[in-house]
Amino acid sequence: MSRRFVAAGLAVLCAATLTAGTGSASASGDWPTWTKDLRGSRFNGSEHRITTETVGNLKLKWAFSYPTPGAPGPHSQPAVADGAVFFGGSDSYFYSVDAKSGAKRWTFALPPNDMVQDGAAVAAGRVYFGDTQGTVRALDQRTGRLLWQFRTDTTPLSVVTSSPIFFEGHIFVGTSSGQNTADQNTACCTFRGHVDSIDAATGKLSWRYYTVPPPQQVGTWPSGAARFEPSGAGVWSSPVIDQRTHTLYVGTGQNYTGHGGDFDTLLALNTASGKVRWKQQVTPDDTWRSLCNDPKSTDGYCPVPKNTQLDWDLGATPNLFTVNGRDLVGIGQKAGIYHVFDAHTGQVVWRRLLSTPMPNGGLSGIQWGTSFDGQRLYIATMMNEPGTLYALDPTTGAELWHTPNPADGCTTGGAAQYPDLCTPSLIPAVTTSPGLVYEGSADGKMRVFDSATGKVVWTYDTIRDFDGVNGLPGRGGAISGGGGAVVADGMVYVQTGYWMAPYPSDRGHVLLAFGL
């Protein structure tokens, strides 16, 4: 594996004072939003029941099974608030269940063939989430009654995978699109990524920031379908917010066609107006559509020459943290690089390459998100032969430890039956609580690591059959991306059955809940 440390604009600091600065949400044992708190820590500092001494006693408490065998795996990270768990299924329903028992509280039906892929945010008595048809909804937290819905984009194949975050009476959310996955006969592409501020009480748009200028037709593809440029730069991930400076930070994806706009960029926007405070583009050029990878596609459909297409999005959610009184913002990239900037100016502080970048590398590096526990940054690489979990010094980016996906991941447990499907890939976002790091794998194992050493201290194989508390049979698979483990009030919640390792099953996928 190639490793190097790139330092830019920062001398090595000594004896750093580190703070997550996570705001009031971190004082609660709940996990009410994708990031846990406004600053993207993915760290539950209030979790004191599950410790390095007790983690070995974690047992399955309940499983919730989805009804549709073979459906796309669960992609909606649960939110936990006020004794309930809120999540979307792969069956066009959104659920609220009891956090301790899994018993149903209420369900909300989405339109046919619709699905929730983001994680909900629970705030002000409401539950906010997006869907695969580009719509954001607010439901009553107690009853599940629809309060409002807002269509963020009408471009074909628009989707909300960005999880909303609530701040000062607004929710902030990004929109992306699968338009670049269309076939050769489809016009491509007219989608423009954007970040929205939506009034949380009414669902009315307050401001919108587009990541690319309006696409213009520049000719046709070989099929005769219209060709538009530039396009893309979708916002796949959840924003984070510095409540002291009223600054929103979020990453963007690659261009679908053309070259321009804020592709592969970390944006720093004013939360009140959407105006740019600064932005940092981390890739000089990045244009990609799925036909670039399709061996059946004829020449002329990839918008860039072969072997130059990258797909190196900033698809992960950022982390805000403070070192020696200096506010920093870090973000992982699919190229395998973790970037750190001065949160106020955008100046590069340090960068760390953790996996070898690959062309068509959308599945190679840092995927959904990383965690900061006040001492260390925790970052997982995905297809790094194998995927590897790292702990880094937030001051310099120096490696403190690394733990590869265990070598027996594909030869033990349920994955051993499917050697051609199993990969030792760390798919989910990383989660932490005091002394512990939570990360799952495409080998079907959910693991907990000691945060000081990287040693595996607990493993659970999810590729097995389950009887759901909702009366349905279920079976686990690859630990789901789109989020990661949620740790709240002495429980750990994990979605399993992700599409990237499609282990065969005649049962639906499952949400698992573990406790002591």
Protein backbone atom coordinates (compact mmCIF):
# COMPACT_ATOMS: atom_id res chain seq x y z
CA MET A 1 0.00 0.00 0.00
CA SER A 2 1.29 3.45 -0.84
CA ARG A 3 1.53 5.84 2.11
CA ARG A 4 2.81 9.35 2.40
CA PHE A 5 2.32 12.31 4.60
CA VAL A 6 1.87 15.70 2.98
CA ALA A 7 2.16 18.75 5.20
CA ALA A 8 1.21 22.15 3.88
CA GLY A 9 1.11 25.42 5.74
CA LEU A 10 1.58 24.04 9.26
CA ALA A 11 4.65 23.31 11.31
CA VAL A 12 4.41 20.34 13.63
CA LEU A 13 2.69 21.51 16.78
CA CYS A 14 3.44 20.24 20.27
CA ALA A 15 1.19 19.17 23.13
CA ALA A 16 -2.05 20.04 21.36
CA THR A 17 -5.19 21.02 23.21
CA LEU A 18 -8.04 19.26 21.42
CA THR A 19 -11.76 19.85 21.61
CA ALA A 20 -14.65 18.60 19.57
CA GLY A 21 -16.70 21.67 20.42
CA THR A 22 -19.81 19.73 19.60
CA GLY A 23 -22.47 21.95 21.10
CA SER A 24 -25.45 21.07 23.27
CA ALA A 25 -26.47 17.96 21.32
CA SER A 26 -23.37 16.11 22.51
CA ALA A 27 -24.54 16.34 26.14
CA SER A 28 -27.39 13.94 25.40
CA GLY A 29 -27.26 10.17 25.19
CA ASP A 30 -29.50 10.43 22.11
CA TRP A 31 -28.21 10.34 18.53
CA PRO A 32 -30.72 12.65 16.83
CA THR A 33 -28.94 13.37 13.55
CA TRP A 34 -26.53 11.67 11.15
CA THR A 35 -23.48 13.43 12.58
CA LYS A 36 -24.61 13.06 16.25
CA ASP A 37 -23.99 16.80 16.70
CA LEU A 38 -23.63 19.97 14.65
CA ARG A 39 -19.86 19.60 14.27
CA GLY A 40 -19.83 16.15 12.74
CA SER A 41 -18.01 14.29 15.51
CA ARG A 42 -19.92 10.98 15.20
CA PHE A 43 -18.87 10.61 18.86
CA ASN A 44 -21.27 9.93 21.73
CA GLY A 45 -19.35 11.21 24.73
CA SER A 46 -22.33 10.51 26.98
CA GLU A 47 -22.14 6.74 26.46
CA HIS A 48 -20.75 5.31 29.72
CA ARG A 49 -22.45 1.90 29.86
CA ILE A 50 -20.68 0.42 26.85
CA THR A 51 -17.00 0.65 27.81
CA THR A 52 -13.77 -1.18 27.11
CA GLU A 53 -14.62 -3.38 30.12
CA THR A 54 -18.23 -4.14 29.17
CA VAL A 55 -18.22 -4.15 25.36
CA GLY A 56 -17.57 -7.89 25.26
CA ASN A 57 -21.00 -8.41 26.84
CA LEU A 58 -22.94 -6.84 23.95
CA LYS A 59 -25.76 -9.15 22.87
CA LEU A 60 -28.43 -8.95 20.20
CA LYS A 61 -31.57 -7.49 21.78
CA TRP A 62 -33.82 -7.37 18.74
CA ALA A 63 -33.89 -7.44 14.95
CA PHE A 64 -36.27 -5.55 12.69
CA SER A 65 -36.75 -7.26 9.33
CA TYR A 66 -37.65 -5.62 6.03
CA PRO A 67 -40.27 -7.41 3.93
CA THR A 68 -38.69 -7.54 0.47
CA PRO A 69 -36.05 -10.18 -0.34
CA GLY A 70 -33.53 -9.03 -2.92
CA ALA A 71 -34.39 -5.33 -2.51
CA PRO A 72 -31.57 -2.77 -2.33
CA GLY A 73 -30.04 -2.98 1.10
CA PRO A 74 -30.88 -0.56 3.91
CA HIS A 75 -29.14 2.75 3.50
CA SER A 76 -30.82 4.91 6.16
CA GLN A 77 -28.79 5.38 9.32
CA PRO A 78 -31.14 5.36 12.34
CA ALA A 79 -31.72 8.43 14.47
CA VAL A 80 -32.40 7.87 18.18
CA ALA A 81 -34.31 10.38 20.28
CA ASP A 82 -36.65 10.29 23.26
CA GLY A 83 -36.74 6.50 23.48
CA ALA A 84 -37.51 5.90 19.80
CA VAL A 85 -35.56 4.91 16.69
CA PHE A 86 -36.37 6.55 13.33
CA PHE A 87 -35.23 5.06 10.01
CA GLY A 88 -36.17 4.35 6.41
CA GLY A 89 -36.58 0.85 5.00
CA SER A 90 -35.98 -0.61 1.58
CA ASP A 91 -39.75 -1.08 1.19
CA SER A 92 -41.12 2.46 0.67
CA TYR A 93 -41.82 2.97 4.38
CA PHE A 94 -40.36 5.15 7.09
CA TYR A 95 -40.47 3.71 10.61
CA SER A 96 -40.52 4.72 14.25
CA VAL A 97 -39.93 1.90 16.74
CA ASP A 98 -39.25 1.61 20.46
CA ALA A 99 -35.51 1.91 21.11
CA LYS A 100 -35.33 -0.90 23.68
CA SER A 101 -37.77 -3.44 22.21
CA GLY A 102 -38.12 -2.65 18.50
CA ALA A 103 -41.91 -2.53 18.86
CA LYS A 104 -43.58 -0.41 16.20
CA ARG A 105 -44.71 3.07 17.17
CA TRP A 106 -45.81 4.28 13.73
CA THR A 107 -45.06 3.95 10.02
CA PHE A 108 -45.23 6.44 7.15
CA ALA A 109 -45.88 5.23 3.59
CA LEU A 110 -43.88 6.81 0.79
CA PRO A 111 -44.96 6.75 -2.88
CA PRO A 112 -44.46 3.42 -4.67
CA ASN A 113 -40.85 2.64 -5.60
CA ASP A 114 -39.64 5.47 -3.40
CA MET A 115 -37.13 4.90 -0.61
CA VAL A 116 -35.32 6.76 2.16
CA GLN A 117 -31.56 6.54 1.81
CA ASP A 118 -30.43 9.30 4.13
CA GLY A 119 -30.51 9.42 7.92
CA ALA A 120 -33.26 11.36 9.64
CA ALA A 121 -32.80 14.42 11.85
CA VAL A 122 -35.04 14.73 14.91
CA ALA A 123 -35.55 18.25 16.27
CA ALA A 124 -38.28 20.58 17.52
CA GLY A 125 -40.83 17.75 17.70
CA ARG A 126 -40.35 16.82 14.04
CA VAL A 127 -38.53 14.17 12.02
CA TYR A 128 -36.86 15.35 8.80
CA PHE A 129 -35.58 13.13 5.98
CA GLY A 130 -35.12 13.00 2.21
CA ASP A 131 -35.92 10.33 -0.38
CA THR A 132 -34.83 8.89 -3.70
CA GLN A 133 -37.23 11.12 -5.63
CA GLY A 134 -35.63 14.34 -4.43
CA THR A 135 -38.22 15.20 -1.77
CA VAL A 136 -37.64 16.26 1.83
CA ARG A 137 -40.38 15.68 4.40
CA ALA A 138 -41.17 16.68 7.95
CA LEU A 139 -43.28 14.35 10.11
CA ASP A 140 -44.69 14.80 13.58
CA GLN A 141 -42.22 13.01 15.86
CA ARG A 142 -44.93 11.51 18.07
CA THR A 143 -47.52 10.42 15.48
CA GLY A 144 -45.77 10.24 12.09
CA ARG A 145 -48.28 12.66 10.57
CA LEU A 146 -46.99 14.50 7.49
CA LEU A 147 -46.43 18.18 8.28
CA TRP A 148 -44.90 19.30 4.99
CA GLN A 149 -42.93 18.09 2.00
CA PHE A 150 -40.66 19.97 -0.37
CA ARG A 151 -39.40 18.78 -3.76
CA THR A 152 -35.78 19.88 -3.85
CA ASP A 153 -35.23 19.15 -7.54
CA THR A 154 -37.29 18.10 -10.56
CA THR A 155 -34.34 17.00 -12.72
CA PRO A 156 -34.74 13.30 -13.59
CA LEU A 157 -33.13 10.91 -11.09
CA SER A 158 -32.57 13.60 -8.44
CA VAL A 159 -32.00 12.05 -5.03
CA VAL A 160 -31.45 13.11 -1.44
CA THR A 161 -28.78 10.98 0.24
CA SER A 162 -27.56 13.99 2.21
CA SER A 163 -28.93 13.79 5.75
CA PRO A 164 -30.58 16.99 7.01
CA ILE A 165 -29.09 18.91 9.88
CA PHE A 166 -31.16 21.32 12.04
CA PHE A 167 -29.91 24.74 13.13
CA GLU A 168 -31.72 27.90 14.21
CA GLY A 169 -35.12 26.97 12.80
CA HIS A 170 -33.85 25.67 9.47
CA ILE A 171 -32.74 22.37 8.06
CA PHE A 172 -29.78 22.25 5.69
CA VAL A 173 -29.52 19.48 3.12
CA GLY A 174 -27.83 18.68 -0.18
CA THR A 175 -29.22 17.15 -3.37
CA SER A 176 -27.52 14.86 -5.84
CA SER A 177 -28.59 12.80 -8.84
CA GLY A 178 -28.17 9.49 -10.60
CA GLN A 179 -28.56 11.17 -13.99
CA ASN A 180 -24.96 10.27 -14.84
CA THR A 181 -25.91 6.57 -14.61
CA ALA A 182 -28.36 6.82 -17.54
CA ASP A 183 -27.92 4.84 -20.76
CA GLN A 184 -26.47 5.94 -24.10
CA ASN A 185 -29.79 7.20 -25.44
CA THR A 186 -30.50 9.62 -22.60
CA ALA A 187 -29.61 13.30 -22.69
CA CYS A 188 -26.77 13.90 -20.24
CA CYS A 189 -26.54 15.83 -18.13
CA THR A 190 -28.65 18.73 -16.90
CA PHE A 191 -28.41 18.22 -13.14
CA ARG A 192 -26.83 20.88 -10.92
CA GLY A 193 -25.85 19.94 -7.39
CA HIS A 194 -27.05 22.24 -4.65
CA VAL A 195 -27.29 22.91 -0.92
CA ASP A 196 -30.60 24.15 0.45
CA SER A 197 -31.69 25.97 3.58
CA ILE A 198 -35.33 25.10 4.30
CA ASP A 199 -37.55 26.65 6.95
CA ALA A 200 -38.04 23.78 9.40
CA ALA A 201 -41.56 24.81 10.38
CA THR A 202 -43.02 25.48 6.92
CA GLY A 203 -40.88 23.63 4.37
CA LYS A 204 -40.28 26.81 2.36
CA LEU A 205 -36.91 27.34 0.70
CA SER A 206 -34.86 30.08 2.37
CA TRP A 207 -31.80 29.95 0.11
CA ARG A 208 -30.08 27.67 -2.38
CA TYR A 209 -26.44 27.41 -3.42
CA TYR A 210 -25.78 25.75 -6.79
CA THR A 211 -22.46 24.01 -7.28
CA VAL A 212 -22.30 24.42 -11.08
CA PRO A 213 -23.58 27.02 -13.55
CA PRO A 214 -26.59 26.17 -15.72
CA PRO A 215 -25.60 23.44 -18.24
CA GLN A 216 -25.69 24.39 -21.92
CA GLN A 217 -26.14 22.03 -24.87
CA VAL A 218 -22.80 21.63 -26.62
CA GLY A 219 -23.74 19.01 -29.19
CA THR A 220 -24.81 15.40 -29.05
CA TRP A 221 -23.54 12.03 -27.92
CA PRO A 222 -22.90 9.38 -30.61
CA SER A 223 -26.49 8.14 -30.19
CA GLY A 224 -27.86 11.57 -31.04
CA ALA A 225 -28.93 12.28 -27.45
CA ALA A 226 -28.30 15.86 -26.38
CA ARG A 227 -25.04 16.61 -24.57
CA PHE A 228 -24.99 19.30 -21.90
CA GLU A 229 -22.05 20.83 -20.00
CA PRO A 230 -21.05 21.41 -17.25
CA SER A 231 -23.17 19.38 -14.88
CA GLY A 232 -23.09 17.38 -11.67
CA ALA A 233 -21.12 18.22 -8.52
CA GLY A 234 -23.88 16.67 -6.43
CA VAL A 235 -23.97 16.97 -2.66
CA TRP A 236 -24.17 13.41 -1.32
CA SER A 237 -23.25 13.94 2.33
CA SER A 238 -24.61 15.71 5.38
CA PRO A 239 -23.42 19.25 6.17
CA VAL A 240 -21.90 20.26 9.50
CA ILE A 241 -22.24 23.64 11.18
CA ASP A 242 -20.08 25.87 13.38
CA GLN A 243 -22.73 27.47 15.54
CA ARG A 244 -20.35 30.18 16.78
CA THR A 245 -19.53 31.54 13.33
CA HIS A 246 -22.76 30.46 11.61
CA THR A 247 -20.78 28.62 8.95
CA LEU A 248 -21.94 25.49 7.10
CA TYR A 249 -19.36 23.07 5.66
CA VAL A 250 -20.15 20.41 3.07
CA GLY A 251 -18.33 18.50 0.33
CA THR A 252 -19.31 18.04 -3.31
CA GLY A 253 -18.94 15.35 -5.97
CA GLN A 254 -17.43 15.25 -9.45
CA ASN A 255 -18.69 16.80 -12.67
CA TYR A 256 -20.95 14.53 -14.70
CA THR A 257 -20.06 16.32 -17.93
CA GLY A 258 -17.84 19.26 -18.79
CA HIS A 259 -15.37 20.95 -16.52
CA GLY A 260 -16.41 23.66 -14.13
CA GLY A 261 -18.09 24.79 -10.96
CA ASP A 262 -17.43 23.56 -7.45
CA PHE A 263 -16.70 19.89 -8.14
CA ASP A 264 -14.69 17.96 -5.49
CA THR A 265 -14.88 21.04 -3.29
CA LEU A 266 -15.26 21.72 0.42
CA LEU A 267 -17.68 24.64 0.71
CA ALA A 268 -17.87 27.03 3.66
CA LEU A 269 -21.19 28.91 3.45
CA ASN A 270 -22.92 31.49 5.62
CA THR A 271 -25.87 29.70 7.23
CA ALA A 272 -28.09 32.81 7.04
CA SER A 273 -27.53 33.68 3.38
CA GLY A 274 -25.77 30.79 1.62
CA LYS A 275 -22.96 33.13 0.54
CA VAL A 276 -19.50 31.63 0.17
CA ARG A 277 -17.05 32.33 2.96
CA TRP A 278 -14.37 30.23 1.28
CA LYS A 279 -14.05 27.08 -0.77
CA GLN A 280 -11.27 24.59 -1.43
CA GLN A 281 -11.20 22.42 -4.55
CA VAL A 282 -9.12 19.33 -3.85
CA THR A 283 -8.92 17.78 -7.37
CA PRO A 284 -7.78 19.76 -10.45
CA ASP A 285 -10.20 17.97 -12.76
CA ASP A 286 -12.77 15.21 -12.21
CA THR A 287 -15.49 14.30 -14.72
CA TRP A 288 -17.17 10.91 -14.68
CA ARG A 289 -20.35 9.09 -15.67
CA SER A 290 -21.09 5.39 -15.23
CA LEU A 291 -20.64 4.62 -18.94
CA CYS A 292 -16.92 5.28 -18.36
CA ASN A 293 -16.87 1.97 -16.45
CA ASP A 294 -19.22 0.00 -18.70
CA PRO A 295 -17.27 -2.47 -20.87
CA LYS A 296 -20.28 -2.70 -23.20
CA SER A 297 -20.28 1.05 -23.83
CA THR A 298 -18.81 2.16 -27.13
CA ASP A 299 -16.28 4.96 -27.45
CA GLY A 300 -17.52 8.50 -27.18
CA TYR A 301 -19.80 8.16 -24.17
CA CYS A 302 -17.25 8.78 -21.45
CA PRO A 303 -16.86 12.59 -21.25
CA VAL A 304 -13.08 12.31 -20.75
CA PRO A 305 -10.39 10.06 -22.29
CA LYS A 306 -10.08 6.52 -20.97
CA ASN A 307 -7.96 6.08 -17.84
CA THR A 308 -8.31 9.75 -16.91
CA GLN A 309 -11.74 9.47 -15.28
CA LEU A 310 -11.42 9.60 -11.50
CA ASP A 311 -14.73 9.77 -9.56
CA TRP A 312 -12.88 11.16 -6.54
CA ASP A 313 -15.78 12.90 -4.79
CA LEU A 314 -15.83 14.47 -1.39
CA GLY A 315 -18.66 12.14 -0.46
CA ALA A 316 -17.86 12.04 3.25
CA THR A 317 -19.23 14.37 5.90
CA PRO A 318 -16.68 16.81 7.41
CA ASN A 319 -15.41 16.99 11.01
CA LEU A 320 -14.97 20.26 12.92
CA PHE A 321 -12.38 20.22 15.72
CA THR A 322 -10.02 22.56 17.55
CA VAL A 323 -6.25 22.21 17.99
CA ASN A 324 -4.42 24.63 20.33
CA GLY A 325 -7.23 27.13 19.96
CA ARG A 326 -7.25 26.90 16.15
CA ASP A 327 -10.52 25.80 14.55
CA LEU A 328 -10.03 23.19 11.85
CA VAL A 329 -12.26 21.33 9.42
CA GLY A 330 -11.31 17.95 7.98
CA ILE A 331 -12.90 15.85 5.24
CA GLY A 332 -12.19 12.49 3.61
CA GLN A 333 -12.05 11.94 -0.14
CA LYS A 334 -12.69 8.86 -2.25
CA ALA A 335 -9.12 9.18 -3.51
CA GLY A 336 -8.09 8.07 0.00
CA ILE A 337 -6.89 11.47 1.20
CA TYR A 338 -7.98 13.15 4.42
CA HIS A 339 -7.74 16.94 4.06
CA VAL A 340 -7.58 19.44 6.93
CA PHE A 341 -8.12 23.20 6.54
CA ASP A 342 -8.29 26.25 8.76
CA ALA A 343 -12.03 26.53 9.41
CA HIS A 344 -12.02 30.33 9.13
CA THR A 345 -9.78 30.91 6.12
CA GLY A 346 -9.69 27.64 4.16
CA GLN A 347 -5.88 27.54 4.38
CA VAL A 348 -4.50 24.02 3.99
CA VAL A 349 -3.16 22.72 7.31
CA TRP A 350 -2.28 19.12 6.45
CA ARG A 351 -3.24 16.24 4.18
CA ARG A 352 -2.78 12.52 4.66
CA LEU A 353 -2.92 9.88 1.92
CA LEU A 354 -4.27 6.64 3.42
CA SER A 355 -4.96 4.48 0.36
CA THR A 356 -3.71 4.30 -3.19
CA PRO A 357 -5.87 6.41 -5.52
CA MET A 358 -7.32 4.50 -8.46
CA PRO A 359 -8.93 5.66 -11.72
CA ASN A 360 -12.68 5.09 -11.54
CA GLY A 361 -11.92 5.20 -7.85
CA GLY A 362 -15.35 5.97 -6.45
CA LEU A 363 -15.19 2.84 -4.30
CA SER A 364 -11.54 2.90 -3.31
CA GLY A 365 -10.90 5.40 -0.55
CA ILE A 366 -12.77 7.22 2.24
CA GLN A 367 -16.50 6.81 1.71
CA TRP A 368 -19.17 8.12 4.06
CA GLY A 369 -17.66 9.69 7.13
CA THR A 370 -15.09 9.85 9.87
CA SER A 371 -15.11 10.44 13.62
CA PHE A 372 -13.35 12.65 16.17
CA ASP A 373 -13.52 11.82 19.88
CA GLY A 374 -11.62 14.83 21.24
CA GLN A 375 -8.28 13.00 21.04
CA ARG A 376 -7.95 11.26 17.69
CA LEU A 377 -9.41 11.22 14.21
CA TYR A 378 -10.68 7.82 13.08
CA ILE A 379 -10.83 7.12 9.36
CA ALA A 380 -11.68 3.96 7.43
CA THR A 381 -10.56 3.24 3.89
CA MET A 382 -12.71 0.94 1.83
CA MET A 383 -11.05 -1.04 -0.97
CA ASN A 384 -7.49 -0.68 0.21
CA GLU A 385 -6.57 -4.38 -0.09
CA PRO A 386 -7.85 -4.68 2.58
CA GLY A 387 -9.91 -1.83 3.98
CA THR A 388 -8.09 -0.33 6.96
CA LEU A 389 -9.12 1.62 10.04
CA TYR A 390 -6.73 4.44 11.03
CA ALA A 391 -6.30 6.63 14.08
CA LEU A 392 -4.56 9.92 13.28
CA ASP A 393 -3.13 12.73 15.36
CA PRO A 394 -5.41 15.71 14.58
CA THR A 395 -2.50 18.09 15.01
CA THR A 396 -0.28 16.75 12.25
CA GLY A 397 -2.05 13.81 10.62
CA ALA A 398 0.60 11.43 11.90
CA GLU A 399 -0.57 7.82 12.12
CA LEU A 400 -1.12 6.63 15.69
CA TRP A 401 -2.24 3.12 14.73
CA HIS A 402 -3.91 1.24 11.92
CA THR A 403 -5.86 -2.01 11.86
CA PRO A 404 -6.57 -3.78 8.57
CA ASN A 405 -9.82 -5.65 8.04
CA PRO A 406 -9.07 -8.99 9.78
CA ALA A 407 -7.60 -11.52 7.37
CA ASP A 408 -10.18 -14.16 8.28
CA GLY A 409 -13.13 -11.89 7.52
CA CYS A 410 -14.06 -13.75 4.33
CA THR A 411 -13.15 -17.25 5.52
CA THR A 412 -15.18 -17.33 8.74
CA GLY A 413 -18.87 -16.91 9.55
CA GLY A 414 -21.55 -16.54 6.93
CA ALA A 415 -19.21 -14.91 4.39
CA ALA A 416 -17.18 -18.13 4.10
CA GLN A 417 -20.02 -19.59 2.02
CA TYR A 418 -19.54 -16.88 -0.63
CA PRO A 419 -15.83 -16.46 -1.40
CA ASP A 420 -16.59 -14.84 -4.76
CA LEU A 421 -18.79 -12.16 -3.19
CA CYS A 422 -16.92 -11.32 -0.01
CA THR A 423 -14.41 -8.46 0.08
CA PRO A 424 -12.53 -7.16 3.14
CA SER A 425 -13.88 -3.64 2.62
CA LEU A 426 -14.78 -1.16 5.35
CA ILE A 427 -17.95 0.39 3.97
CA PRO A 428 -19.69 2.42 6.75
CA ALA A 429 -18.93 5.74 8.36
CA VAL A 430 -16.88 5.45 11.56
CA THR A 431 -18.52 5.92 14.97
CA THR A 432 -16.95 6.39 18.41
CA SER A 433 -17.82 6.46 22.09
CA PRO A 434 -15.37 6.83 25.00
CA GLY A 435 -12.58 4.29 24.50
CA LEU A 436 -14.25 2.53 21.52
CA VAL A 437 -14.47 2.70 17.72
CA TYR A 438 -17.30 1.05 15.73
CA GLU A 439 -16.82 -0.03 12.12
CA GLY A 440 -18.41 -2.70 9.92
CA SER A 441 -17.27 -4.55 6.84
CA ALA A 442 -18.49 -6.07 3.58
CA ASP A 443 -17.52 -9.42 5.16
CA GLY A 444 -20.70 -9.09 7.23
CA LYS A 445 -18.97 -8.53 10.55
CA MET A 446 -19.72 -5.62 12.84
CA ARG A 447 -16.63 -4.90 14.94
CA VAL A 448 -15.68 -2.69 17.87
CA PHE A 449 -12.07 -1.59 18.33
CA ASP A 450 -10.13 -0.21 21.29
CA SER A 451 -9.61 3.47 20.45
CA ALA A 452 -6.17 3.61 22.07
CA THR A 453 -4.66 0.59 20.33
CA GLY A 454 -6.87 -0.42 17.40
CA LYS A 455 -7.32 -3.92 18.81
CA VAL A 456 -10.59 -5.67 17.92
CA VAL A 457 -12.54 -6.13 21.18
CA TRP A 458 -15.93 -7.36 19.88
CA THR A 459 -17.18 -8.99 16.68
CA TYR A 460 -20.65 -10.03 15.54
CA ASP A 461 -21.30 -11.88 12.29
CA THR A 462 -24.55 -10.63 10.73
CA ILE A 463 -24.71 -13.09 7.80
CA ARG A 464 -27.26 -15.32 9.47
CA ASP A 465 -31.03 -15.65 9.75
CA PHE A 466 -33.05 -13.53 12.16
CA ASP A 467 -36.65 -13.53 13.32
CA GLY A 468 -37.78 -9.92 13.29
CA VAL A 469 -39.74 -8.44 16.18
CA ASN A 470 -42.15 -7.24 13.51
CA GLY A 471 -42.99 -10.84 12.61
CA LEU A 472 -40.91 -11.06 9.43
CA PRO A 473 -37.91 -13.28 8.68
CA GLY A 474 -34.63 -11.48 8.02
CA ARG A 475 -31.03 -12.10 7.10
CA GLY A 476 -27.96 -9.92 7.41
CA GLY A 477 -25.19 -9.25 4.94
CA ALA A 478 -22.60 -6.56 4.36
CA ILE A 479 -22.73 -3.83 7.01
CA SER A 480 -24.48 -0.90 5.39
CA GLY A 481 -22.95 2.30 4.10
CA GLY A 482 -24.82 5.56 3.89
CA GLY A 483 -24.04 5.87 7.58
CA GLY A 484 -22.60 3.71 10.32
CA ALA A 485 -23.31 2.28 13.73
CA VAL A 486 -25.39 4.45 16.06
CA VAL A 487 -24.54 4.32 19.78
CA ALA A 488 -27.20 5.68 22.13
CA ASP A 489 -28.26 5.04 25.71
CA GLY A 490 -26.44 1.74 26.13
CA MET A 491 -27.49 0.37 22.72
CA VAL A 492 -25.80 -0.07 19.32
CA TYR A 493 -27.92 0.01 16.15
CA VAL A 494 -26.60 -1.40 12.86
CA GLN A 495 -28.15 -1.69 9.39
CA THR A 496 -26.98 -4.79 7.49
CA GLY A 497 -27.55 -6.12 3.98
CA TYR A 498 -25.77 -3.53 1.83
CA TRP A 499 -25.93 -3.81 -1.96
CA MET A 500 -22.17 -3.79 -2.56
CA ALA A 501 -21.84 -7.40 -1.41
CA PRO A 502 -25.13 -9.01 -2.51
CA TYR A 503 -25.09 -12.20 -0.47
CA PRO A 504 -28.03 -14.35 -1.65
CA SER A 505 -31.05 -14.61 0.60
CA ASP A 506 -34.76 -15.35 0.40
CA ARG A 507 -35.34 -13.04 3.37
CA GLY A 508 -35.35 -9.27 3.73
CA HIS A 509 -32.47 -7.32 5.23
CA VAL A 510 -32.39 -6.25 8.88
CA LEU A 511 -31.77 -3.52 11.40
CA LEU A 512 -30.02 -5.00 14.45
CA ALA A 513 -30.03 -3.60 17.99
CA PHE A 514 -27.40 -4.67 20.54
CA GLY A 515 -27.25 -4.01 24.27
CA LEU A 516 -25.55 -5.21 27.43
